[in-house]
């Protein structure tokens, strides 16, 4: 879930630093 959610979060807040932490699986 978190990888596409990071895309959405950065789209919503382009001025903020987005840090995504996800497992390889």
PDBML (XML) file of the C-alpha atoms, coordinates in Angstrom:
<?xml version="1.0" encoding="UTF-8" ?>
<PDBx:datablock datablockName="MODEL"
   xmlns:PDBx="http://pdbml.pdb.org/schema/pdbx-v50.xsd"
   xmlns:xsi="http://www.w3.org/2001/XMLSchema-instance"
   xsi:schemaLocation="http://pdbml.pdb.org/schema/pdbx-v50.xsd pdbx-v50.xsd">
   <PDBx:atom_siteCategory>
      <PDBx:atom_site id="1">
         <PDBx:B_iso_or_equiv>0.00</PDBx:B_iso_or_equiv>
         <PDBx:Cartn_x>0.000</PDBx:Cartn_x>
         <PDBx:Cartn_y>0.000</PDBx:Cartn_y>
         <PDBx:Cartn_z>0.000</PDBx:Cartn_z>
         <PDBx:auth_asym_id>A</PDBx:auth_asym_id>
         <PDBx:auth_atom_id>CA</PDBx:auth_atom_id>
         <PDBx:auth_comp_id>UNK</PDBx:auth_comp_id>
         <PDBx:auth_seq_id>1</PDBx:auth_seq_id>
         <PDBx:group_PDB>ATOM</PDBx:group_PDB>
         <PDBx:label_alt_id xsi:nil="true" />
         <PDBx:label_asym_id>A</PDBx:label_asym_id>
         <PDBx:label_atom_id>CA</PDBx:label_atom_id>
         <PDBx:label_comp_id>UNK</PDBx:label_comp_id>
         <PDBx:label_entity_id>1</PDBx:label_entity_id>
         <PDBx:label_seq_id>1</PDBx:label_seq_id>
         <PDBx:occupancy>1.00</PDBx:occupancy>
         <PDBx:pdbx_PDB_model_num>1</PDBx:pdbx_PDB_model_num>
         <PDBx:type_symbol>C</PDBx:type_symbol>
      </PDBx:atom_site>
      <PDBx:atom_site id="2">
         <PDBx:B_iso_or_equiv>0.00</PDBx:B_iso_or_equiv>
         <PDBx:Cartn_x>2.639</PDBx:Cartn_x>
         <PDBx:Cartn_y>2.506</PDBx:Cartn_y>
         <PDBx:Cartn_z>1.022</PDBx:Cartn_z>
         <PDBx:auth_asym_id>A</PDBx:auth_asym_id>
         <PDBx:auth_atom_id>CA</PDBx:auth_atom_id>
         <PDBx:auth_comp_id>UNK</PDBx:auth_comp_id>
         <PDBx:auth_seq_id>2</PDBx:auth_seq_id>
         <PDBx:group_PDB>ATOM</PDBx:group_PDB>
         <PDBx:label_alt_id xsi:nil="true" />
         <PDBx:label_asym_id>A</PDBx:label_asym_id>
         <PDBx:label_atom_id>CA</PDBx:label_atom_id>
         <PDBx:label_comp_id>UNK</PDBx:label_comp_id>
         <PDBx:label_entity_id>1</PDBx:label_entity_id>
         <PDBx:label_seq_id>2</PDBx:label_seq_id>
         <PDBx:occupancy>1.00</PDBx:occupancy>
         <PDBx:pdbx_PDB_model_num>1</PDBx:pdbx_PDB_model_num>
         <PDBx:type_symbol>C</PDBx:type_symbol>
      </PDBx:atom_site>
      <PDBx:atom_site id="3">
         <PDBx:B_iso_or_equiv>0.00</PDBx:B_iso_or_equiv>
         <PDBx:Cartn_x>4.464</PDBx:Cartn_x>
         <PDBx:Cartn_y>2.890</PDBx:Cartn_y>
         <PDBx:Cartn_z>-2.301</PDBx:Cartn_z>
         <PDBx:auth_asym_id>A</PDBx:auth_asym_id>
         <PDBx:auth_atom_id>CA</PDBx:auth_atom_id>
         <PDBx:auth_comp_id>UNK</PDBx:auth_comp_id>
         <PDBx:auth_seq_id>3</PDBx:auth_seq_id>
         <PDBx:group_PDB>ATOM</PDBx:group_PDB>
         <PDBx:label_alt_id xsi:nil="true" />
         <PDBx:label_asym_id>A</PDBx:label_asym_id>
         <PDBx:label_atom_id>CA</PDBx:label_atom_id>
         <PDBx:label_comp_id>UNK</PDBx:label_comp_id>
         <PDBx:label_entity_id>1</PDBx:label_entity_id>
         <PDBx:label_seq_id>3</PDBx:label_seq_id>
         <PDBx:occupancy>1.00</PDBx:occupancy>
         <PDBx:pdbx_PDB_model_num>1</PDBx:pdbx_PDB_model_num>
         <PDBx:type_symbol>C</PDBx:type_symbol>
      </PDBx:atom_site>
      <PDBx:atom_site id="4">
         <PDBx:B_iso_or_equiv>0.00</PDBx:B_iso_or_equiv>
         <PDBx:Cartn_x>1.471</PDBx:Cartn_x>
         <PDBx:Cartn_y>4.181</PDBx:Cartn_y>
         <PDBx:Cartn_z>-4.306</PDBx:Cartn_z>
         <PDBx:auth_asym_id>A</PDBx:auth_asym_id>
         <PDBx:auth_atom_id>CA</PDBx:auth_atom_id>
         <PDBx:auth_comp_id>UNK</PDBx:auth_comp_id>
         <PDBx:auth_seq_id>4</PDBx:auth_seq_id>
         <PDBx:group_PDB>ATOM</PDBx:group_PDB>
         <PDBx:label_alt_id xsi:nil="true" />
         <PDBx:label_asym_id>A</PDBx:label_asym_id>
         <PDBx:label_atom_id>CA</PDBx:label_atom_id>
         <PDBx:label_comp_id>UNK</PDBx:label_comp_id>
         <PDBx:label_entity_id>1</PDBx:label_entity_id>
         <PDBx:label_seq_id>4</PDBx:label_seq_id>
         <PDBx:occupancy>1.00</PDBx:occupancy>
         <PDBx:pdbx_PDB_model_num>1</PDBx:pdbx_PDB_model_num>
         <PDBx:type_symbol>C</PDBx:type_symbol>
      </PDBx:atom_site>
      <PDBx:atom_site id="5">
         <PDBx:B_iso_or_equiv>0.00</PDBx:B_iso_or_equiv>
         <PDBx:Cartn_x>0.367</PDBx:Cartn_x>
         <PDBx:Cartn_y>6.036</PDBx:Cartn_y>
         <PDBx:Cartn_z>-1.154</PDBx:Cartn_z>
         <PDBx:auth_asym_id>A</PDBx:auth_asym_id>
         <PDBx:auth_atom_id>CA</PDBx:auth_atom_id>
         <PDBx:auth_comp_id>UNK</PDBx:auth_comp_id>
         <PDBx:auth_seq_id>5</PDBx:auth_seq_id>
         <PDBx:group_PDB>ATOM</PDBx:group_PDB>
         <PDBx:label_alt_id xsi:nil="true" />
         <PDBx:label_asym_id>A</PDBx:label_asym_id>
         <PDBx:label_atom_id>CA</PDBx:label_atom_id>
         <PDBx:label_comp_id>UNK</PDBx:label_comp_id>
         <PDBx:label_entity_id>1</PDBx:label_entity_id>
         <PDBx:label_seq_id>5</PDBx:label_seq_id>
         <PDBx:occupancy>1.00</PDBx:occupancy>
         <PDBx:pdbx_PDB_model_num>1</PDBx:pdbx_PDB_model_num>
         <PDBx:type_symbol>C</PDBx:type_symbol>
      </PDBx:atom_site>
      <PDBx:atom_site id="6">
         <PDBx:B_iso_or_equiv>0.00</PDBx:B_iso_or_equiv>
         <PDBx:Cartn_x>3.711</PDBx:Cartn_x>
         <PDBx:Cartn_y>7.862</PDBx:Cartn_y>
         <PDBx:Cartn_z>-1.208</PDBx:Cartn_z>
         <PDBx:auth_asym_id>A</PDBx:auth_asym_id>
         <PDBx:auth_atom_id>CA</PDBx:auth_atom_id>
         <PDBx:auth_comp_id>UNK</PDBx:auth_comp_id>
         <PDBx:auth_seq_id>6</PDBx:auth_seq_id>
         <PDBx:group_PDB>ATOM</PDBx:group_PDB>
         <PDBx:label_alt_id xsi:nil="true" />
         <PDBx:label_asym_id>A</PDBx:label_asym_id>
         <PDBx:label_atom_id>CA</PDBx:label_atom_id>
         <PDBx:label_comp_id>UNK</PDBx:label_comp_id>
         <PDBx:label_entity_id>1</PDBx:label_entity_id>
         <PDBx:label_seq_id>6</PDBx:label_seq_id>
         <PDBx:occupancy>1.00</PDBx:occupancy>
         <PDBx:pdbx_PDB_model_num>1</PDBx:pdbx_PDB_model_num>
         <PDBx:type_symbol>C</PDBx:type_symbol>
      </PDBx:atom_site>
      <PDBx:atom_site id="7">
         <PDBx:B_iso_or_equiv>0.00</PDBx:B_iso_or_equiv>
         <PDBx:Cartn_x>2.970</PDBx:Cartn_x>
         <PDBx:Cartn_y>8.895</PDBx:Cartn_y>
         <PDBx:Cartn_z>-4.807</PDBx:Cartn_z>
         <PDBx:auth_asym_id>A</PDBx:auth_asym_id>
         <PDBx:auth_atom_id>CA</PDBx:auth_atom_id>
         <PDBx:auth_comp_id>UNK</PDBx:auth_comp_id>
         <PDBx:auth_seq_id>7</PDBx:auth_seq_id>
         <PDBx:group_PDB>ATOM</PDBx:group_PDB>
         <PDBx:label_alt_id xsi:nil="true" />
         <PDBx:label_asym_id>A</PDBx:label_asym_id>
         <PDBx:label_atom_id>CA</PDBx:label_atom_id>
         <PDBx:label_comp_id>UNK</PDBx:label_comp_id>
         <PDBx:label_entity_id>1</PDBx:label_entity_id>
         <PDBx:label_seq_id>7</PDBx:label_seq_id>
         <PDBx:occupancy>1.00</PDBx:occupancy>
         <PDBx:pdbx_PDB_model_num>1</PDBx:pdbx_PDB_model_num>
         <PDBx:type_symbol>C</PDBx:type_symbol>
      </PDBx:atom_site>
      <PDBx:atom_site id="8">
         <PDBx:B_iso_or_equiv>0.00</PDBx:B_iso_or_equiv>
         <PDBx:Cartn_x>-0.375</PDBx:Cartn_x>
         <PDBx:Cartn_y>10.270</PDBx:Cartn_y>
         <PDBx:Cartn_z>-3.630</PDBx:Cartn_z>
         <PDBx:auth_asym_id>A</PDBx:auth_asym_id>
         <PDBx:auth_atom_id>CA</PDBx:auth_atom_id>
         <PDBx:auth_comp_id>UNK</PDBx:auth_comp_id>
         <PDBx:auth_seq_id>8</PDBx:auth_seq_id>
         <PDBx:group_PDB>ATOM</PDBx:group_PDB>
         <PDBx:label_alt_id xsi:nil="true" />
         <PDBx:label_asym_id>A</PDBx:label_asym_id>
         <PDBx:label_atom_id>CA</PDBx:label_atom_id>
         <PDBx:label_comp_id>UNK</PDBx:label_comp_id>
         <PDBx:label_entity_id>1</PDBx:label_entity_id>
         <PDBx:label_seq_id>8</PDBx:label_seq_id>
         <PDBx:occupancy>1.00</PDBx:occupancy>
         <PDBx:pdbx_PDB_model_num>1</PDBx:pdbx_PDB_model_num>
         <PDBx:type_symbol>C</PDBx:type_symbol>
      </PDBx:atom_site>
      <PDBx:atom_site id="9">
         <PDBx:B_iso_or_equiv>0.00</PDBx:B_iso_or_equiv>
         <PDBx:Cartn_x>1.163</PDBx:Cartn_x>
         <PDBx:Cartn_y>11.975</PDBx:Cartn_y>
         <PDBx:Cartn_z>-0.602</PDBx:Cartn_z>
         <PDBx:auth_asym_id>A</PDBx:auth_asym_id>
         <PDBx:auth_atom_id>CA</PDBx:auth_atom_id>
         <PDBx:auth_comp_id>UNK</PDBx:auth_comp_id>
         <PDBx:auth_seq_id>9</PDBx:auth_seq_id>
         <PDBx:group_PDB>ATOM</PDBx:group_PDB>
         <PDBx:label_alt_id xsi:nil="true" />
         <PDBx:label_asym_id>A</PDBx:label_asym_id>
         <PDBx:label_atom_id>CA</PDBx:label_atom_id>
         <PDBx:label_comp_id>UNK</PDBx:label_comp_id>
         <PDBx:label_entity_id>1</PDBx:label_entity_id>
         <PDBx:label_seq_id>9</PDBx:label_seq_id>
         <PDBx:occupancy>1.00</PDBx:occupancy>
         <PDBx:pdbx_PDB_model_num>1</PDBx:pdbx_PDB_model_num>
         <PDBx:type_symbol>C</PDBx:type_symbol>
      </PDBx:atom_site>
      <PDBx:atom_site id="10">
         <PDBx:B_iso_or_equiv>0.00</PDBx:B_iso_or_equiv>
         <PDBx:Cartn_x>3.831</PDBx:Cartn_x>
         <PDBx:Cartn_y>13.713</PDBx:Cartn_y>
         <PDBx:Cartn_z>-2.688</PDBx:Cartn_z>
         <PDBx:auth_asym_id>A</PDBx:auth_asym_id>
         <PDBx:auth_atom_id>CA</PDBx:auth_atom_id>
         <PDBx:auth_comp_id>UNK</PDBx:auth_comp_id>
         <PDBx:auth_seq_id>10</PDBx:auth_seq_id>
         <PDBx:group_PDB>ATOM</PDBx:group_PDB>
         <PDBx:label_alt_id xsi:nil="true" />
         <PDBx:label_asym_id>A</PDBx:label_asym_id>
         <PDBx:label_atom_id>CA</PDBx:label_atom_id>
         <PDBx:label_comp_id>UNK</PDBx:label_comp_id>
         <PDBx:label_entity_id>1</PDBx:label_entity_id>
         <PDBx:label_seq_id>10</PDBx:label_seq_id>
         <PDBx:occupancy>1.00</PDBx:occupancy>
         <PDBx:pdbx_PDB_model_num>1</PDBx:pdbx_PDB_model_num>
         <PDBx:type_symbol>C</PDBx:type_symbol>
      </PDBx:atom_site>
      <PDBx:atom_site id="11">
         <PDBx:B_iso_or_equiv>0.00</PDBx:B_iso_or_equiv>
         <PDBx:Cartn_x>1.155</PDBx:Cartn_x>
         <PDBx:Cartn_y>14.761</PDBx:Cartn_y>
         <PDBx:Cartn_z>-5.200</PDBx:Cartn_z>
         <PDBx:auth_asym_id>A</PDBx:auth_asym_id>
         <PDBx:auth_atom_id>CA</PDBx:auth_atom_id>
         <PDBx:auth_comp_id>UNK</PDBx:auth_comp_id>
         <PDBx:auth_seq_id>11</PDBx:auth_seq_id>
         <PDBx:group_PDB>ATOM</PDBx:group_PDB>
         <PDBx:label_alt_id xsi:nil="true" />
         <PDBx:label_asym_id>A</PDBx:label_asym_id>
         <PDBx:label_atom_id>CA</PDBx:label_atom_id>
         <PDBx:label_comp_id>UNK</PDBx:label_comp_id>
         <PDBx:label_entity_id>1</PDBx:label_entity_id>
         <PDBx:label_seq_id>11</PDBx:label_seq_id>
         <PDBx:occupancy>1.00</PDBx:occupancy>
         <PDBx:pdbx_PDB_model_num>1</PDBx:pdbx_PDB_model_num>
         <PDBx:type_symbol>C</PDBx:type_symbol>
      </PDBx:atom_site>
      <PDBx:atom_site id="12">
         <PDBx:B_iso_or_equiv>0.00</PDBx:B_iso_or_equiv>
         <PDBx:Cartn_x>-0.866</PDBx:Cartn_x>
         <PDBx:Cartn_y>16.302</PDBx:Cartn_y>
         <PDBx:Cartn_z>-2.367</PDBx:Cartn_z>
         <PDBx:auth_asym_id>A</PDBx:auth_asym_id>
         <PDBx:auth_atom_id>CA</PDBx:auth_atom_id>
         <PDBx:auth_comp_id>UNK</PDBx:auth_comp_id>
         <PDBx:auth_seq_id>12</PDBx:auth_seq_id>
         <PDBx:group_PDB>ATOM</PDBx:group_PDB>
         <PDBx:label_alt_id xsi:nil="true" />
         <PDBx:label_asym_id>A</PDBx:label_asym_id>
         <PDBx:label_atom_id>CA</PDBx:label_atom_id>
         <PDBx:label_comp_id>UNK</PDBx:label_comp_id>
         <PDBx:label_entity_id>1</PDBx:label_entity_id>
         <PDBx:label_seq_id>12</PDBx:label_seq_id>
         <PDBx:occupancy>1.00</PDBx:occupancy>
         <PDBx:pdbx_PDB_model_num>1</PDBx:pdbx_PDB_model_num>
         <PDBx:type_symbol>C</PDBx:type_symbol>
      </PDBx:atom_site>
      <PDBx:atom_site id="13">
         <PDBx:B_iso_or_equiv>0.00</PDBx:B_iso_or_equiv>
         <PDBx:Cartn_x>2.129</PDBx:Cartn_x>
         <PDBx:Cartn_y>17.908</PDBx:Cartn_y>
         <PDBx:Cartn_z>-0.639</PDBx:Cartn_z>
         <PDBx:auth_asym_id>A</PDBx:auth_asym_id>
         <PDBx:auth_atom_id>CA</PDBx:auth_atom_id>
         <PDBx:auth_comp_id>UNK</PDBx:auth_comp_id>
         <PDBx:auth_seq_id>13</PDBx:auth_seq_id>
         <PDBx:group_PDB>ATOM</PDBx:group_PDB>
         <PDBx:label_alt_id xsi:nil="true" />
         <PDBx:label_asym_id>A</PDBx:label_asym_id>
         <PDBx:label_atom_id>CA</PDBx:label_atom_id>
         <PDBx:label_comp_id>UNK</PDBx:label_comp_id>
         <PDBx:label_entity_id>1</PDBx:label_entity_id>
         <PDBx:label_seq_id>13</PDBx:label_seq_id>
         <PDBx:occupancy>1.00</PDBx:occupancy>
         <PDBx:pdbx_PDB_model_num>1</PDBx:pdbx_PDB_model_num>
         <PDBx:type_symbol>C</PDBx:type_symbol>
      </PDBx:atom_site>
      <PDBx:atom_site id="14">
         <PDBx:B_iso_or_equiv>0.00</PDBx:B_iso_or_equiv>
         <PDBx:Cartn_x>4.850</PDBx:Cartn_x>
         <PDBx:Cartn_y>18.595</PDBx:Cartn_y>
         <PDBx:Cartn_z>-3.238</PDBx:Cartn_z>
         <PDBx:auth_asym_id>A</PDBx:auth_asym_id>
         <PDBx:auth_atom_id>CA</PDBx:auth_atom_id>
         <PDBx:auth_comp_id>UNK</PDBx:auth_comp_id>
         <PDBx:auth_seq_id>14</PDBx:auth_seq_id>
         <PDBx:group_PDB>ATOM</PDBx:group_PDB>
         <PDBx:label_alt_id xsi:nil="true" />
         <PDBx:label_asym_id>A</PDBx:label_asym_id>
         <PDBx:label_atom_id>CA</PDBx:label_atom_id>
         <PDBx:label_comp_id>UNK</PDBx:label_comp_id>
         <PDBx:label_entity_id>1</PDBx:label_entity_id>
         <PDBx:label_seq_id>14</PDBx:label_seq_id>
         <PDBx:occupancy>1.00</PDBx:occupancy>
         <PDBx:pdbx_PDB_model_num>1</PDBx:pdbx_PDB_model_num>
         <PDBx:type_symbol>C</PDBx:type_symbol>
      </PDBx:atom_site>
      <PDBx:atom_site id="15">
         <PDBx:B_iso_or_equiv>0.00</PDBx:B_iso_or_equiv>
         <PDBx:Cartn_x>6.652</PDBx:Cartn_x>
         <PDBx:Cartn_y>21.010</PDBx:Cartn_y>
         <PDBx:Cartn_z>-0.903</PDBx:Cartn_z>
         <PDBx:auth_asym_id>A</PDBx:auth_asym_id>
         <PDBx:auth_atom_id>CA</PDBx:auth_atom_id>
         <PDBx:auth_comp_id>UNK</PDBx:auth_comp_id>
         <PDBx:auth_seq_id>15</PDBx:auth_seq_id>
         <PDBx:group_PDB>ATOM</PDBx:group_PDB>
         <PDBx:label_alt_id xsi:nil="true" />
         <PDBx:label_asym_id>A</PDBx:label_asym_id>
         <PDBx:label_atom_id>CA</PDBx:label_atom_id>
         <PDBx:label_comp_id>UNK</PDBx:label_comp_id>
         <PDBx:label_entity_id>1</PDBx:label_entity_id>
         <PDBx:label_seq_id>15</PDBx:label_seq_id>
         <PDBx:occupancy>1.00</PDBx:occupancy>
         <PDBx:pdbx_PDB_model_num>1</PDBx:pdbx_PDB_model_num>
         <PDBx:type_symbol>C</PDBx:type_symbol>
      </PDBx:atom_site>
      <PDBx:atom_site id="16">
         <PDBx:B_iso_or_equiv>0.00</PDBx:B_iso_or_equiv>
         <PDBx:Cartn_x>7.265</PDBx:Cartn_x>
         <PDBx:Cartn_y>18.405</PDBx:Cartn_y>
         <PDBx:Cartn_z>1.844</PDBx:Cartn_z>
         <PDBx:auth_asym_id>A</PDBx:auth_asym_id>
         <PDBx:auth_atom_id>CA</PDBx:auth_atom_id>
         <PDBx:auth_comp_id>UNK</PDBx:auth_comp_id>
         <PDBx:auth_seq_id>16</PDBx:auth_seq_id>
         <PDBx:group_PDB>ATOM</PDBx:group_PDB>
         <PDBx:label_alt_id xsi:nil="true" />
         <PDBx:label_asym_id>A</PDBx:label_asym_id>
         <PDBx:label_atom_id>CA</PDBx:label_atom_id>
         <PDBx:label_comp_id>UNK</PDBx:label_comp_id>
         <PDBx:label_entity_id>1</PDBx:label_entity_id>
         <PDBx:label_seq_id>16</PDBx:label_seq_id>
         <PDBx:occupancy>1.00</PDBx:occupancy>
         <PDBx:pdbx_PDB_model_num>1</PDBx:pdbx_PDB_model_num>
         <PDBx:type_symbol>C</PDBx:type_symbol>
      </PDBx:atom_site>
      <PDBx:atom_site id="17">
         <PDBx:B_iso_or_equiv>0.00</PDBx:B_iso_or_equiv>
         <PDBx:Cartn_x>9.958</PDBx:Cartn_x>
         <PDBx:Cartn_y>15.766</PDBx:Cartn_y>
         <PDBx:Cartn_z>2.095</PDBx:Cartn_z>
         <PDBx:auth_asym_id>A</PDBx:auth_asym_id>
         <PDBx:auth_atom_id>CA</PDBx:auth_atom_id>
         <PDBx:auth_comp_id>UNK</PDBx:auth_comp_id>
         <PDBx:auth_seq_id>17</PDBx:auth_seq_id>
         <PDBx:group_PDB>ATOM</PDBx:group_PDB>
         <PDBx:label_alt_id xsi:nil="true" />
         <PDBx:label_asym_id>A</PDBx:label_asym_id>
         <PDBx:label_atom_id>CA</PDBx:label_atom_id>
         <PDBx:label_comp_id>UNK</PDBx:label_comp_id>
         <PDBx:label_entity_id>1</PDBx:label_entity_id>
         <PDBx:label_seq_id>17</PDBx:label_seq_id>
         <PDBx:occupancy>1.00</PDBx:occupancy>
         <PDBx:pdbx_PDB_model_num>1</PDBx:pdbx_PDB_model_num>
         <PDBx:type_symbol>C</PDBx:type_symbol>
      </PDBx:atom_site>
      <PDBx:atom_site id="18">
         <PDBx:B_iso_or_equiv>0.00</PDBx:B_iso_or_equiv>
         <PDBx:Cartn_x>8.321</PDBx:Cartn_x>
         <PDBx:Cartn_y>12.366</PDBx:Cartn_y>
         <PDBx:Cartn_z>1.662</PDBx:Cartn_z>
         <PDBx:auth_asym_id>A</PDBx:auth_asym_id>
         <PDBx:auth_atom_id>CA</PDBx:auth_atom_id>
         <PDBx:auth_comp_id>UNK</PDBx:auth_comp_id>
         <PDBx:auth_seq_id>18</PDBx:auth_seq_id>
         <PDBx:group_PDB>ATOM</PDBx:group_PDB>
         <PDBx:label_alt_id xsi:nil="true" />
         <PDBx:label_asym_id>A</PDBx:label_asym_id>
         <PDBx:label_atom_id>CA</PDBx:label_atom_id>
         <PDBx:label_comp_id>UNK</PDBx:label_comp_id>
         <PDBx:label_entity_id>1</PDBx:label_entity_id>
         <PDBx:label_seq_id>18</PDBx:label_seq_id>
         <PDBx:occupancy>1.00</PDBx:occupancy>
         <PDBx:pdbx_PDB_model_num>1</PDBx:pdbx_PDB_model_num>
         <PDBx:type_symbol>C</PDBx:type_symbol>
      </PDBx:atom_site>
      <PDBx:atom_site id="19">
         <PDBx:B_iso_or_equiv>0.00</PDBx:B_iso_or_equiv>
         <PDBx:Cartn_x>10.161</PDBx:Cartn_x>
         <PDBx:Cartn_y>9.411</PDBx:Cartn_y>
         <PDBx:Cartn_z>3.214</PDBx:Cartn_z>
         <PDBx:auth_asym_id>A</PDBx:auth_asym_id>
         <PDBx:auth_atom_id>CA</PDBx:auth_atom_id>
         <PDBx:auth_comp_id>UNK</PDBx:auth_comp_id>
         <PDBx:auth_seq_id>19</PDBx:auth_seq_id>
         <PDBx:group_PDB>ATOM</PDBx:group_PDB>
         <PDBx:label_alt_id xsi:nil="true" />
         <PDBx:label_asym_id>A</PDBx:label_asym_id>
         <PDBx:label_atom_id>CA</PDBx:label_atom_id>
         <PDBx:label_comp_id>UNK</PDBx:label_comp_id>
         <PDBx:label_entity_id>1</PDBx:label_entity_id>
         <PDBx:label_seq_id>19</PDBx:label_seq_id>
         <PDBx:occupancy>1.00</PDBx:occupancy>
         <PDBx:pdbx_PDB_model_num>1</PDBx:pdbx_PDB_model_num>
         <PDBx:type_symbol>C</PDBx:type_symbol>
      </PDBx:atom_site>
      <PDBx:atom_site id="20">
         <PDBx:B_iso_or_equiv>0.00</PDBx:B_iso_or_equiv>
         <PDBx:Cartn_x>8.887</PDBx:Cartn_x>
         <PDBx:Cartn_y>5.963</PDBx:Cartn_y>
         <PDBx:Cartn_z>2.270</PDBx:Cartn_z>
         <PDBx:auth_asym_id>A</PDBx:auth_asym_id>
         <PDBx:auth_atom_id>CA</PDBx:auth_atom_id>
         <PDBx:auth_comp_id>UNK</PDBx:auth_comp_id>
         <PDBx:auth_seq_id>20</PDBx:auth_seq_id>
         <PDBx:group_PDB>ATOM</PDBx:group_PDB>
         <PDBx:label_alt_id xsi:nil="true" />
         <PDBx:label_asym_id>A</PDBx:label_asym_id>
         <PDBx:label_atom_id>CA</PDBx:label_atom_id>
         <PDBx:label_comp_id>UNK</PDBx:label_comp_id>
         <PDBx:label_entity_id>1</PDBx:label_entity_id>
         <PDBx:label_seq_id>20</PDBx:label_seq_id>
         <PDBx:occupancy>1.00</PDBx:occupancy>
         <PDBx:pdbx_PDB_model_num>1</PDBx:pdbx_PDB_model_num>
         <PDBx:type_symbol>C</PDBx:type_symbol>
      </PDBx:atom_site>
      <PDBx:atom_site id="21">
         <PDBx:B_iso_or_equiv>0.00</PDBx:B_iso_or_equiv>
         <PDBx:Cartn_x>10.037</PDBx:Cartn_x>
         <PDBx:Cartn_y>2.903</PDBx:Cartn_y>
         <PDBx:Cartn_z>4.241</PDBx:Cartn_z>
         <PDBx:auth_asym_id>A</PDBx:auth_asym_id>
         <PDBx:auth_atom_id>CA</PDBx:auth_atom_id>
         <PDBx:auth_comp_id>UNK</PDBx:auth_comp_id>
         <PDBx:auth_seq_id>21</PDBx:auth_seq_id>
         <PDBx:group_PDB>ATOM</PDBx:group_PDB>
         <PDBx:label_alt_id xsi:nil="true" />
         <PDBx:label_asym_id>A</PDBx:label_asym_id>
         <PDBx:label_atom_id>CA</PDBx:label_atom_id>
         <PDBx:label_comp_id>UNK</PDBx:label_comp_id>
         <PDBx:label_entity_id>1</PDBx:label_entity_id>
         <PDBx:label_seq_id>21</PDBx:label_seq_id>
         <PDBx:occupancy>1.00</PDBx:occupancy>
         <PDBx:pdbx_PDB_model_num>1</PDBx:pdbx_PDB_model_num>
         <PDBx:type_symbol>C</PDBx:type_symbol>
      </PDBx:atom_site>
      <PDBx:atom_site id="22">
         <PDBx:B_iso_or_equiv>0.00</PDBx:B_iso_or_equiv>
         <PDBx:Cartn_x>8.947</PDBx:Cartn_x>
         <PDBx:Cartn_y>-0.392</PDBx:Cartn_y>
         <PDBx:Cartn_z>2.718</PDBx:Cartn_z>
         <PDBx:auth_asym_id>A</PDBx:auth_asym_id>
         <PDBx:auth_atom_id>CA</PDBx:auth_atom_id>
         <PDBx:auth_comp_id>UNK</PDBx:auth_comp_id>
         <PDBx:auth_seq_id>22</PDBx:auth_seq_id>
         <PDBx:group_PDB>ATOM</PDBx:group_PDB>
         <PDBx:label_alt_id xsi:nil="true" />
         <PDBx:label_asym_id>A</PDBx:label_asym_id>
         <PDBx:label_atom_id>CA</PDBx:label_atom_id>
         <PDBx:label_comp_id>UNK</PDBx:label_comp_id>
         <PDBx:label_entity_id>1</PDBx:label_entity_id>
         <PDBx:label_seq_id>22</PDBx:label_seq_id>
         <PDBx:occupancy>1.00</PDBx:occupancy>
         <PDBx:pdbx_PDB_model_num>1</PDBx:pdbx_PDB_model_num>
         <PDBx:type_symbol>C</PDBx:type_symbol>
      </PDBx:atom_site>
      <PDBx:atom_site id="23">
         <PDBx:B_iso_or_equiv>0.00</PDBx:B_iso_or_equiv>
         <PDBx:Cartn_x>9.971</PDBx:Cartn_x>
         <PDBx:Cartn_y>-4.027</PDBx:Cartn_y>
         <PDBx:Cartn_z>2.769</PDBx:Cartn_z>
         <PDBx:auth_asym_id>A</PDBx:auth_asym_id>
         <PDBx:auth_atom_id>CA</PDBx:auth_atom_id>
         <PDBx:auth_comp_id>UNK</PDBx:auth_comp_id>
         <PDBx:auth_seq_id>23</PDBx:auth_seq_id>
         <PDBx:group_PDB>ATOM</PDBx:group_PDB>
         <PDBx:label_alt_id xsi:nil="true" />
         <PDBx:label_asym_id>A</PDBx:label_asym_id>
         <PDBx:label_atom_id>CA</PDBx:label_atom_id>
         <PDBx:label_comp_id>UNK</PDBx:label_comp_id>
         <PDBx:label_entity_id>1</PDBx:label_entity_id>
         <PDBx:label_seq_id>23</PDBx:label_seq_id>
         <PDBx:occupancy>1.00</PDBx:occupancy>
         <PDBx:pdbx_PDB_model_num>1</PDBx:pdbx_PDB_model_num>
         <PDBx:type_symbol>C</PDBx:type_symbol>
      </PDBx:atom_site>
      <PDBx:atom_site id="24">
         <PDBx:B_iso_or_equiv>0.00</PDBx:B_iso_or_equiv>
         <PDBx:Cartn_x>11.340</PDBx:Cartn_x>
         <PDBx:Cartn_y>-5.771</PDBx:Cartn_y>
         <PDBx:Cartn_z>-0.301</PDBx:Cartn_z>
         <PDBx:auth_asym_id>A</PDBx:auth_asym_id>
         <PDBx:auth_atom_id>CA</PDBx:auth_atom_id>
         <PDBx:auth_comp_id>UNK</PDBx:auth_comp_id>
         <PDBx:auth_seq_id>24</PDBx:auth_seq_id>
         <PDBx:group_PDB>ATOM</PDBx:group_PDB>
         <PDBx:label_alt_id xsi:nil="true" />
         <PDBx:label_asym_id>A</PDBx:label_asym_id>
         <PDBx:label_atom_id>CA</PDBx:label_atom_id>
         <PDBx:label_comp_id>UNK</PDBx:label_comp_id>
         <PDBx:label_entity_id>1</PDBx:label_entity_id>
         <PDBx:label_seq_id>24</PDBx:label_seq_id>
         <PDBx:occupancy>1.00</PDBx:occupancy>
         <PDBx:pdbx_PDB_model_num>1</PDBx:pdbx_PDB_model_num>
         <PDBx:type_symbol>C</PDBx:type_symbol>
      </PDBx:atom_site>
      <PDBx:atom_site id="25">
         <PDBx:B_iso_or_equiv>0.00</PDBx:B_iso_or_equiv>
         <PDBx:Cartn_x>8.359</PDBx:Cartn_x>
         <PDBx:Cartn_y>-8.130</PDBx:Cartn_y>
         <PDBx:Cartn_z>-0.487</PDBx:Cartn_z>
         <PDBx:auth_asym_id>A</PDBx:auth_asym_id>
         <PDBx:auth_atom_id>CA</PDBx:auth_atom_id>
         <PDBx:auth_comp_id>UNK</PDBx:auth_comp_id>
         <PDBx:auth_seq_id>25</PDBx:auth_seq_id>
         <PDBx:group_PDB>ATOM</PDBx:group_PDB>
         <PDBx:label_alt_id xsi:nil="true" />
         <PDBx:label_asym_id>A</PDBx:label_asym_id>
         <PDBx:label_atom_id>CA</PDBx:label_atom_id>
         <PDBx:label_comp_id>UNK</PDBx:label_comp_id>
         <PDBx:label_entity_id>1</PDBx:label_entity_id>
         <PDBx:label_seq_id>25</PDBx:label_seq_id>
         <PDBx:occupancy>1.00</PDBx:occupancy>
         <PDBx:pdbx_PDB_model_num>1</PDBx:pdbx_PDB_model_num>
         <PDBx:type_symbol>C</PDBx:type_symbol>
      </PDBx:atom_site>
   </PDBx:atom_siteCategory>
</PDBx:datablock>
